[in-house]
Amino acid sequence: MNANTPEERARKRANDFVGLMWHIASYVIVVPFMFLLDWYLEDGIQWAFWVAIPWAVGLLFHVIAYFIDERLTDRAYERFLAQEKAKLKDKKA
């Protein structure tokens, strides 16, 4: 989706935030349940780490992408906008 207006960019940002919150909520709910299930069924923790750790890495990347994406996008937008304005100015001159 190409967000050109402030409203479109705000909607995209809000959707990204909601997606991140769902990812965090599912991790916080499911992982403890997996550890309890693993502990109950296996007499100790056997397999839950093999799910929780990669999921945590993916969640970390999601958080990083959420916070970095806006800054990178804004900087790139400003740079490309300046380039396009310069090209337009050169064509008129």
PDB file of N, CA and C in Angstrom:
ATOM      1  N   MET A   1       0.848  -1.181   0.000  1.00  0.00           N
ATOM      2  CA  MET A   1       0.000   0.000   0.000  1.00  0.00           C
ATOM      3  C   MET A   1       0.882   1.229   0.000  1.00  0.00           C
ATOM      4  N   ASN A   2       0.642   2.115  -0.929  1.00  0.00           N
ATOM      5  CA  ASN A   2       1.396   3.350  -1.040  1.00  0.00           C
ATOM      6  C   ASN A   2       0.659   4.431  -0.265  1.00  0.00           C
ATOM      7  N   ALA A   3       1.191   4.800   0.871  1.00  0.00           N
ATOM      8  CA  ALA A   3       0.528   5.776   1.747  1.00  0.00           C
ATOM      9  C   ALA A   3       1.018   7.172   1.386  1.00  0.00           C
ATOM     10  N   ASN A   4       0.174   7.934   0.706  1.00  0.00           N
ATOM     11  CA  ASN A   4       0.564   9.264   0.265  1.00  0.00           C
ATOM     12  C   ASN A   4       0.071  10.365   1.185  1.00  0.00           C
ATOM     13  N   THR A   5      -1.096  10.211   1.750  1.00  0.00           N
ATOM     14  CA  THR A   5      -1.657  11.258   2.586  1.00  0.00           C
ATOM     15  C   THR A   5      -1.345  10.964   4.057  1.00  0.00           C
ATOM     16  N   PRO A   6      -1.397  11.977   4.900  1.00  0.00           N
ATOM     17  CA  PRO A   6      -1.180  11.744   6.331  1.00  0.00           C
ATOM     18  C   PRO A   6      -2.180  10.742   6.914  1.00  0.00           C
ATOM     19  N   GLU A   7      -3.416  10.777   6.426  1.00  0.00           N
ATOM     20  CA  GLU A   7      -4.429   9.843   6.917  1.00  0.00           C
ATOM     21  C   GLU A   7      -4.071   8.400   6.561  1.00  0.00           C
ATOM     22  N   GLU A   8      -3.584   8.178   5.341  1.00  0.00           N
ATOM     23  CA  GLU A   8      -3.194   6.828   4.918  1.00  0.00           C
ATOM     24  C   GLU A   8      -1.990   6.339   5.717  1.00  0.00           C
ATOM     25  N   ARG A   9      -1.028   7.244   5.931  1.00  0.00           N
ATOM     26  CA  ARG A   9       0.157   6.863   6.717  1.00  0.00           C
ATOM     27  C   ARG A   9      -0.238   6.555   8.162  1.00  0.00           C
ATOM     28  N   ALA A  10      -1.160   7.346   8.725  1.00  0.00           N
ATOM     29  CA  ALA A  10      -1.615   7.104  10.102  1.00  0.00           C
ATOM     30  C   ALA A  10      -2.355   5.771  10.197  1.00  0.00           C
ATOM     31  N   ARG A  11      -3.176   5.470   9.204  1.00  0.00           N
ATOM     32  CA  ARG A  11      -3.903   4.196   9.208  1.00  0.00           C
ATOM     33  C   ARG A  11      -2.921   3.022   9.109  1.00  0.00           C
ATOM     34  N   LYS A  12      -1.913   3.136   8.254  1.00  0.00           N
ATOM     35  CA  LYS A  12      -0.915   2.075   8.126  1.00  0.00           C
ATOM     36  C   LYS A  12      -0.163   1.901   9.440  1.00  0.00           C
ATOM     37  N   ARG A  13       0.208   3.010  10.047  1.00  0.00           N
ATOM     38  CA  ARG A  13       0.927   2.952  11.332  1.00  0.00           C
ATOM     39  C   ARG A  13       0.056   2.302  12.411  1.00  0.00           C
ATOM     40  N   ALA A  14      -1.221   2.652  12.448  1.00  0.00           N
ATOM     41  CA  ALA A  14      -2.132   2.059  13.423  1.00  0.00           C
ATOM     42  C   ALA A  14      -2.283   0.560  13.184  1.00  0.00           C
ATOM     43  N   ASN A  15      -2.410   0.153  11.922  1.00  0.00           N
ATOM     44  CA  ASN A  15      -2.499  -1.277  11.606  1.00  0.00           C
ATOM     45  C   ASN A  15      -1.225  -2.019  11.996  1.00  0.00           C
ATOM     46  N   ASP A  16      -0.077  -1.403  11.756  1.00  0.00           N
ATOM     47  CA  ASP A  16       1.194  -2.015  12.159  1.00  0.00           C
ATOM     48  C   ASP A  16       1.262  -2.178  13.674  1.00  0.00           C
ATOM     49  N   PHE A  17       0.796  -1.166  14.406  1.00  0.00           N
ATOM     50  CA  PHE A  17       0.808  -1.215  15.867  1.00  0.00           C
ATOM     51  C   PHE A  17      -0.102  -2.324  16.385  1.00  0.00           C
ATOM     52  N   VAL A  18      -1.297  -2.422  15.820  1.00  0.00           N
ATOM     53  CA  VAL A  18      -2.231  -3.461  16.247  1.00  0.00           C
ATOM     54  C   VAL A  18      -1.653  -4.844  15.953  1.00  0.00           C
ATOM     55  N   GLY A  19      -1.020  -5.007  14.803  1.00  0.00           N
ATOM     56  CA  GLY A  19      -0.381  -6.282  14.474  1.00  0.00           C
ATOM     57  C   GLY A  19       0.710  -6.640  15.458  1.00  0.00           C
ATOM     58  N   LEU A  20       1.502  -5.655  15.850  1.00  0.00           N
ATOM     59  CA  LEU A  20       2.556  -5.889  16.839  1.00  0.00           C
ATOM     60  C   LEU A  20       1.963  -6.267  18.191  1.00  0.00           C
ATOM     61  N   MET A  21       0.908  -5.588  18.597  1.00  0.00           N
ATOM     62  CA  MET A  21       0.277  -5.907  19.878  1.00  0.00           C
ATOM     63  C   MET A  21      -0.309  -7.319  19.879  1.00  0.00           C
ATOM     64  N   TRP A  22      -0.903  -7.746  18.775  1.00  0.00           N
ATOM     65  CA  TRP A  22      -1.415  -9.121  18.682  1.00  0.00           C
ATOM     66  C   TRP A  22      -0.279 -10.128  18.759  1.00  0.00           C
ATOM     67  N   HIS A  23       0.848  -9.816  18.132  1.00  0.00           N
ATOM     68  CA  HIS A  23       1.997 -10.715  18.180  1.00  0.00           C
ATOM     69  C   HIS A  23       2.504 -10.857  19.621  1.00  0.00           C
ATOM     70  N   ILE A  24       2.622  -9.735  20.320  1.00  0.00           N
ATOM     71  CA  ILE A  24       3.077  -9.760  21.712  1.00  0.00           C
ATOM     72  C   ILE A  24       2.068 -10.499  22.591  1.00  0.00           C
ATOM     73  N   ALA A  25       0.792 -10.218  22.407  1.00  0.00           N
ATOM     74  CA  ALA A  25      -0.238 -10.868  23.226  1.00  0.00           C
ATOM     75  C   ALA A  25      -0.246 -12.377  23.018  1.00  0.00           C
ATOM     76  N   SER A  26      -0.131 -12.806  21.787  1.00  0.00           N
ATOM     77  CA  SER A  26      -0.139 -14.250  21.541  1.00  0.00           C
ATOM     78  C   SER A  26       1.086 -14.913  22.158  1.00  0.00           C
ATOM     79  N   TYR A  27       2.229 -14.245  22.110  1.00  0.00           N
ATOM     80  CA  TYR A  27       3.442 -14.800  22.720  1.00  0.00           C
ATOM     81  C   TYR A  27       3.269 -14.910  24.237  1.00  0.00           C
ATOM     82  N   VAL A  28       2.754 -13.844  24.847  1.00  0.00           N
ATOM     83  CA  VAL A  28       2.598 -13.806  26.308  1.00  0.00           C
ATOM     84  C   VAL A  28       1.580 -14.833  26.790  1.00  0.00           C
ATOM     85  N   ILE A  29       0.589 -15.139  25.986  1.00  0.00           N
ATOM     86  CA  ILE A  29      -0.430 -16.113  26.379  1.00  0.00           C
ATOM     87  C   ILE A  29       0.010 -17.547  26.080  1.00  0.00           C
ATOM     88  N   VAL A  30       0.552 -17.784  24.895  1.00  0.00           N
ATOM     89  CA  VAL A  30       0.843 -19.151  24.448  1.00  0.00           C
ATOM     90  C   VAL A  30       2.099 -19.725  25.093  1.00  0.00           C
ATOM     91  N   VAL A  31       3.155 -18.941  25.213  1.00  0.00           N
ATOM     92  CA  VAL A  31       4.426 -19.483  25.711  1.00  0.00           C
ATOM     93  C   VAL A  31       4.316 -20.002  27.155  1.00  0.00           C
ATOM     94  N   PRO A  32       3.744 -19.268  28.090  1.00  0.00           N
ATOM     95  CA  PRO A  32       3.598 -19.853  29.428  1.00  0.00           C
ATOM     96  C   PRO A  32       2.766 -21.136  29.420  1.00  0.00           C
ATOM     97  N   PHE A  33       1.723 -21.163  28.602  1.00  0.00           N
ATOM     98  CA  PHE A  33       0.922 -22.367  28.490  1.00  0.00           C
ATOM     99  C   PHE A  33       1.769 -23.538  27.973  1.00  0.00           C
ATOM    100  N   MET A  34       2.619 -23.286  26.995  1.00  0.00           N
ATOM    101  CA  MET A  34       3.493 -24.347  26.472  1.00  0.00           C
ATOM    102  C   MET A  34       4.446 -24.859  27.547  1.00  0.00           C
ATOM    103  N   PHE A  35       5.019 -23.952  28.325  1.00  0.00           N
ATOM    104  CA  PHE A  35       5.932 -24.374  29.386  1.00  0.00           C
ATOM    105  C   PHE A  35       5.200 -25.196  30.444  1.00  0.00           C
ATOM    106  N   LEU A  36       3.997 -24.774  30.816  1.00  0.00           N
ATOM    107  CA  LEU A  36       3.211 -25.549  31.780  1.00  0.00           C
ATOM    108  C   LEU A  36       2.848 -26.925  31.229  1.00  0.00           C
ATOM    109  N   LEU A  37       2.439 -26.974  29.999  1.00  0.00           N
ATOM    110  CA  LEU A  37       2.099 -28.234  29.361  1.00  0.00           C
ATOM    111  C   LEU A  37       3.313 -29.154  29.271  1.00  0.00           C
ATOM    112  N   ASP A  38       4.439 -28.592  28.873  1.00  0.00           N
ATOM    113  CA  ASP A  38       5.680 -29.361  28.778  1.00  0.00           C
ATOM    114  C   ASP A  38       6.092 -29.885  30.150  1.00  0.00           C
ATOM    115  N   TRP A  39       6.005 -29.044  31.145  1.00  0.00           N
ATOM    116  CA  TRP A  39       6.388 -29.458  32.502  1.00  0.00           C
ATOM    117  C   TRP A  39       5.456 -30.551  33.012  1.00  0.00           C
ATOM    118  N   TYR A  40       4.168 -30.402  32.755  1.00  0.00           N
ATOM    119  CA  TYR A  40       3.180 -31.372  33.243  1.00  0.00           C
ATOM    120  C   TYR A  40       3.304 -32.723  32.532  1.00  0.00           C
ATOM    121  N   LEU A  41       3.495 -32.706  31.227  1.00  0.00           N
ATOM    122  CA  LEU A  41       3.504 -33.947  30.445  1.00  0.00           C
ATOM    123  C   LEU A  41       4.857 -34.657  30.433  1.00  0.00           C
ATOM    124  N   GLU A  42       5.926 -33.920  30.573  1.00  0.00           N
ATOM    125  CA  GLU A  42       7.261 -34.497  30.400  1.00  0.00           C
ATOM    126  C   GLU A  42       8.080 -34.544  31.682  1.00  0.00           C
ATOM    127  N   ASP A  43       7.514 -34.223  32.805  1.00  0.00           N
ATOM    128  CA  ASP A  43       8.273 -34.170  34.065  1.00  0.00           C
ATOM    129  C   ASP A  43       9.472 -33.229  33.964  1.00  0.00           C
ATOM    130  N   GLY A  44       9.248 -32.073  33.476  1.00  0.00           N
ATOM    131  CA  GLY A  44      10.296 -31.073  33.325  1.00  0.00           C
ATOM    132  C   GLY A  44      10.183 -30.414  31.969  1.00  0.00           C
ATOM    133  N   ILE A  45      10.993 -29.409  31.766  1.00  0.00           N
ATOM    134  CA  ILE A  45      10.949 -28.661  30.511  1.00  0.00           C
ATOM    135  C   ILE A  45      11.807 -29.389  29.475  1.00  0.00           C
ATOM    136  N   GLN A  46      11.197 -29.837  28.382  1.00  0.00           N
ATOM    137  CA  GLN A  46      11.913 -30.563  27.343  1.00  0.00           C
ATOM    138  C   GLN A  46      11.899 -29.837  25.994  1.00  0.00           C
ATOM    139  N   TRP A  47      10.738 -29.487  25.523  1.00  0.00           N
ATOM    140  CA  TRP A  47      10.616 -28.972  24.164  1.00  0.00           C
ATOM    141  C   TRP A  47      10.171 -27.516  24.081  1.00  0.00           C
ATOM    142  N   ALA A  48       9.667 -26.932  25.125  1.00  0.00           N
ATOM    143  CA  ALA A  48       9.085 -25.589  25.056  1.00  0.00           C
ATOM    144  C   ALA A  48      10.114 -24.531  24.647  1.00  0.00           C
ATOM    145  N   PHE A  49      11.377 -24.720  25.063  1.00  0.00           N
ATOM    146  CA  PHE A  49      12.421 -23.773  24.672  1.00  0.00           C
ATOM    147  C   PHE A  49      12.580 -23.711  23.158  1.00  0.00           C
ATOM    148  N   TRP A  50      12.426 -24.860  22.497  1.00  0.00           N
ATOM    149  CA  TRP A  50      12.642 -24.936  21.050  1.00  0.00           C
ATOM    150  C   TRP A  50      11.558 -24.199  20.273  1.00  0.00           C
ATOM    151  N   VAL A  51      10.479 -23.876  20.925  1.00  0.00           N
ATOM    152  CA  VAL A  51       9.432 -23.071  20.303  1.00  0.00           C
ATOM    153  C   VAL A  51       9.537 -21.617  20.769  1.00  0.00           C
ATOM    154  N   ALA A  52       9.746 -21.430  22.063  1.00  0.00           N
ATOM    155  CA  ALA A  52       9.721 -20.084  22.644  1.00  0.00           C
ATOM    156  C   ALA A  52      10.889 -19.220  22.176  1.00  0.00           C
ATOM    157  N   ILE A  53      12.071 -19.789  22.079  1.00  0.00           N
ATOM    158  CA  ILE A  53      13.240 -18.975  21.724  1.00  0.00           C
ATOM    159  C   ILE A  53      13.176 -18.471  20.282  1.00  0.00           C
ATOM    160  N   PRO A  54      12.938 -19.336  19.277  1.00  0.00           N
ATOM    161  CA  PRO A  54      12.814 -18.780  17.914  1.00  0.00           C
ATOM    162  C   PRO A  54      11.657 -17.800  17.772  1.00  0.00           C
ATOM    163  N   TRP A  55      10.560 -18.077  18.480  1.00  0.00           N
ATOM    164  CA  TRP A  55       9.428 -17.156  18.437  1.00  0.00           C
ATOM    165  C   TRP A  55       9.824 -15.817  19.038  1.00  0.00           C
ATOM    166  N   ALA A  56      10.595 -15.835  20.125  1.00  0.00           N
ATOM    167  CA  ALA A  56      11.060 -14.596  20.750  1.00  0.00           C
ATOM    168  C   ALA A  56      11.965 -13.809  19.800  1.00  0.00           C
ATOM    169  N   VAL A  57      12.803 -14.510  19.056  1.00  0.00           N
ATOM    170  CA  VAL A  57      13.663 -13.833  18.077  1.00  0.00           C
ATOM    171  C   VAL A  57      12.799 -13.171  16.999  1.00  0.00           C
ATOM    172  N   GLY A  58      11.798 -13.896  16.505  1.00  0.00           N
ATOM    173  CA  GLY A  58      10.891 -13.308  15.522  1.00  0.00           C
ATOM    174  C   GLY A  58      10.142 -12.111  16.075  1.00  0.00           C
ATOM    175  N   LEU A  59       9.715 -12.207  17.322  1.00  0.00           N
ATOM    176  CA  LEU A  59       9.023 -11.092  17.970  1.00  0.00           C
ATOM    177  C   LEU A  59       9.965  -9.895  18.119  1.00  0.00           C
ATOM    178  N   LEU A  60      11.205 -10.150  18.476  1.00  0.00           N
ATOM    179  CA  LEU A  60      12.189  -9.069  18.590  1.00  0.00           C
ATOM    180  C   LEU A  60      12.368  -8.353  17.253  1.00  0.00           C
ATOM    181  N   PHE A  61      12.470  -9.119  16.172  1.00  0.00           N
ATOM    182  CA  PHE A  61      12.587  -8.501  14.853  1.00  0.00           C
ATOM    183  C   PHE A  61      11.335  -7.699  14.495  1.00  0.00           C
ATOM    184  N   HIS A  62      10.179  -8.171  14.902  1.00  0.00           N
ATOM    185  CA  HIS A  62       8.935  -7.445  14.661  1.00  0.00           C
ATOM    186  C   HIS A  62       8.952  -6.105  15.402  1.00  0.00           C
ATOM    187  N   VAL A  63       9.385  -6.116  16.649  1.00  0.00           N
ATOM    188  CA  VAL A  63       9.473  -4.884  17.444  1.00  0.00           C
ATOM    189  C   VAL A  63      10.476  -3.916  16.820  1.00  0.00           C
ATOM    190  N   ILE A  64      11.641  -4.425  16.452  1.00  0.00           N
ATOM    191  CA  ILE A  64      12.670  -3.569  15.836  1.00  0.00           C
ATOM    192  C   ILE A  64      12.146  -2.971  14.540  1.00  0.00           C
ATOM    193  N   ALA A  65      11.527  -3.804  13.707  1.00  0.00           N
ATOM    194  CA  ALA A  65      10.997  -3.310  12.436  1.00  0.00           C
ATOM    195  C   ALA A  65       9.932  -2.244  12.660  1.00  0.00           C
ATOM    196  N   TYR A  66       9.110  -2.424  13.668  1.00  0.00           N
ATOM    197  CA  TYR A  66       8.060  -1.441  13.946  1.00  0.00           C
ATOM    198  C   TYR A  66       8.664  -0.081  14.294  1.00  0.00           C
ATOM    199  N   PHE A  67       9.676  -0.069  15.149  1.00  0.00           N
ATOM    200  CA  PHE A  67      10.236   1.203  15.591  1.00  0.00           C
ATOM    201  C   PHE A  67      11.201   1.821  14.589  1.00  0.00           C
ATOM    202  N   ILE A  68      11.875   1.018  13.817  1.00  0.00           N
ATOM    203  CA  ILE A  68      12.835   1.550  12.846  1.00  0.00           C
ATOM    204  C   ILE A  68      12.147   1.937  11.548  1.00  0.00           C
ATOM    205  N   ASP A  69      11.124   1.205  11.151  1.00  0.00           N
ATOM    206  CA  ASP A  69      10.482   1.412   9.854  1.00  0.00           C
ATOM    207  C   ASP A  69      10.014   2.842   9.653  1.00  0.00           C
ATOM    208  N   GLU A  70       9.388   3.424  10.661  1.00  0.00           N
ATOM    209  CA  GLU A  70       8.860   4.776  10.506  1.00  0.00           C
ATOM    210  C   GLU A  70       9.987   5.774  10.251  1.00  0.00           C
ATOM    211  N   ARG A  71      11.053   5.661  11.018  1.00  0.00           N
ATOM    212  CA  ARG A  71      12.163   6.610  10.844  1.00  0.00           C
ATOM    213  C   ARG A  71      12.830   6.441   9.493  1.00  0.00           C
ATOM    214  N   LEU A  72      13.072   5.192   9.093  1.00  0.00           N
ATOM    215  CA  LEU A  72      13.699   4.955   7.794  1.00  0.00           C
ATOM    216  C   LEU A  72      12.802   5.420   6.660  1.00  0.00           C
ATOM    217  N   THR A  73      11.530   5.131   6.761  1.00  0.00           N
ATOM    218  CA  THR A  73      10.584   5.539   5.724  1.00  0.00           C
ATOM    219  C   THR A  73      10.508   7.051   5.629  1.00  0.00           C
ATOM    220  N   ASP A  74      10.431   7.723   6.766  1.00  0.00           N
ATOM    221  CA  ASP A  74      10.359   9.183   6.754  1.00  0.00           C
ATOM    222  C   ASP A  74      11.614   9.801   6.150  1.00  0.00           C
ATOM    223  N   ARG A  75      12.769   9.281   6.535  1.00  0.00           N
ATOM    224  CA  ARG A  75      14.016   9.827   5.977  1.00  0.00           C
ATOM    225  C   ARG A  75      14.112   9.582   4.484  1.00  0.00           C
ATOM    226  N   ALA A  76      13.775   8.376   4.052  1.00  0.00           N
ATOM    227  CA  ALA A  76      13.819   8.064   2.627  1.00  0.00           C
ATOM    228  C   ALA A  76      12.818   8.925   1.863  1.00  0.00           C
ATOM    229  N   TYR A  77      11.623   9.101   2.419  1.00  0.00           N
ATOM    230  CA  TYR A  77      10.604   9.931   1.783  1.00  0.00           C
ATOM    231  C   TYR A  77      11.115  11.360   1.602  1.00  0.00           C
ATOM    232  N   GLU A  78      11.682  11.926   2.645  1.00  0.00           N
ATOM    233  CA  GLU A  78      12.193  13.301   2.550  1.00  0.00           C
ATOM    234  C   GLU A  78      13.310  13.408   1.520  1.00  0.00           C
ATOM    235  N   ARG A  79      14.207  12.441   1.505  1.00  0.00           N
ATOM    236  CA  ARG A  79      15.329  12.459   0.557  1.00  0.00           C
ATOM    237  C   ARG A  79      14.806  12.352  -0.875  1.00  0.00           C
ATOM    238  N   PHE A  80      13.905  11.403  -1.148  1.00  0.00           N
ATOM    239  CA  PHE A  80      13.381  11.227  -2.494  1.00  0.00           C
ATOM    240  C   PHE A  80      12.519  12.405  -2.921  1.00  0.00           C
ATOM    241  N   LEU A  81      11.782  12.978  -1.991  1.00  0.00           N
ATOM    242  CA  LEU A  81      10.982  14.151  -2.306  1.00  0.00           C
ATOM    243  C   LEU A  81      11.875  15.324  -2.702  1.00  0.00           C
ATOM    244  N   ALA A  82      12.953  15.516  -1.975  1.00  0.00           N
ATOM    245  CA  ALA A  82      13.900  16.580  -2.310  1.00  0.00           C
ATOM    246  C   ALA A  82      14.520  16.344  -3.691  1.00  0.00           C
ATOM    247  N   GLN A  83      14.832  15.085  -3.992  1.00  0.00           N
ATOM    248  CA  GLN A  83      15.399  14.765  -5.308  1.00  0.00           C
ATOM    249  C   GLN A  83      14.399  15.060  -6.422  1.00  0.00           C
ATOM    250  N   GLU A  84      13.146  14.669  -6.209  1.00  0.00           N
ATOM    251  CA  GLU A  84      12.121  14.906  -7.220  1.00  0.00           C
ATOM    252  C   GLU A  84      11.872  16.399  -7.410  1.00  0.00           C
ATOM    253  N   LYS A  85      11.866  17.151  -6.317  1.00  0.00           N
ATOM    254  CA  LYS A  85      11.692  18.603  -6.429  1.00  0.00           C
ATOM    255  C   LYS A  85      12.864  19.234  -7.174  1.00  0.00           C
ATOM    256  N   ALA A  86      14.073  18.739  -6.919  1.00  0.00           N
ATOM    257  CA  ALA A  86      15.255  19.251  -7.615  1.00  0.00           C
ATOM    258  C   ALA A  86      15.175  18.937  -9.107  1.00  0.00           C
ATOM    259  N   LYS A  87      14.728  17.737  -9.463  1.00  0.00           N
ATOM    260  CA  LYS A  87      14.577  17.375 -10.873  1.00  0.00           C
ATOM    261  C   LYS A  87      13.557  18.273 -11.550  1.00  0.00           C
ATOM    262  N   LEU A  88      12.447  18.509 -10.872  1.00  0.00           N
ATOM    263  CA  LEU A  88      11.397  19.364 -11.427  1.00  0.00           C
ATOM    264  C   LEU A  88      11.904  20.792 -11.590  1.00  0.00           C
ATOM    265  N   LYS A  89      12.677  21.243 -10.638  1.00  0.00           N
ATOM    266  CA  LYS A  89      13.238  22.598 -10.701  1.00  0.00           C
ATOM    267  C   LYS A  89      14.228  22.702 -11.851  1.00  0.00           C
ATOM    268  N   ASP A  90      15.056  21.658 -12.052  1.00  0.00           N
ATOM    269  CA  ASP A  90      16.024  21.657 -13.160  1.00  0.00           C
ATOM    270  C   ASP A  90      15.329  21.652 -14.512  1.00  0.00           C
ATOM    271  N   LYS A  91      14.201  20.958 -14.635  1.00  0.00           N
ATOM    272  CA  LYS A  91      13.465  20.915 -15.900  1.00  0.00           C
ATOM    273  C   LYS A  91      12.871  22.266 -16.227  1.00  0.00           C
ATOM    274  N   LYS A  92      12.442  23.010 -15.216  1.00  0.00           N
ATOM    275  CA  LYS A  92      11.849  24.324 -15.434  1.00  0.00           C
ATOM    276  C   LYS A  92      12.911  25.360 -15.781  1.00  0.00           C
ATOM    277  N   ALA A  93      14.125  25.162 -15.298  1.00  0.00           N
ATOM    278  CA  ALA A  93      15.182  26.148 -15.516  1.00  0.00           C
ATOM    279  C   ALA A  93      15.810  26.051 -16.875  1.00  0.00           C
TER     280      ALA A  93
END
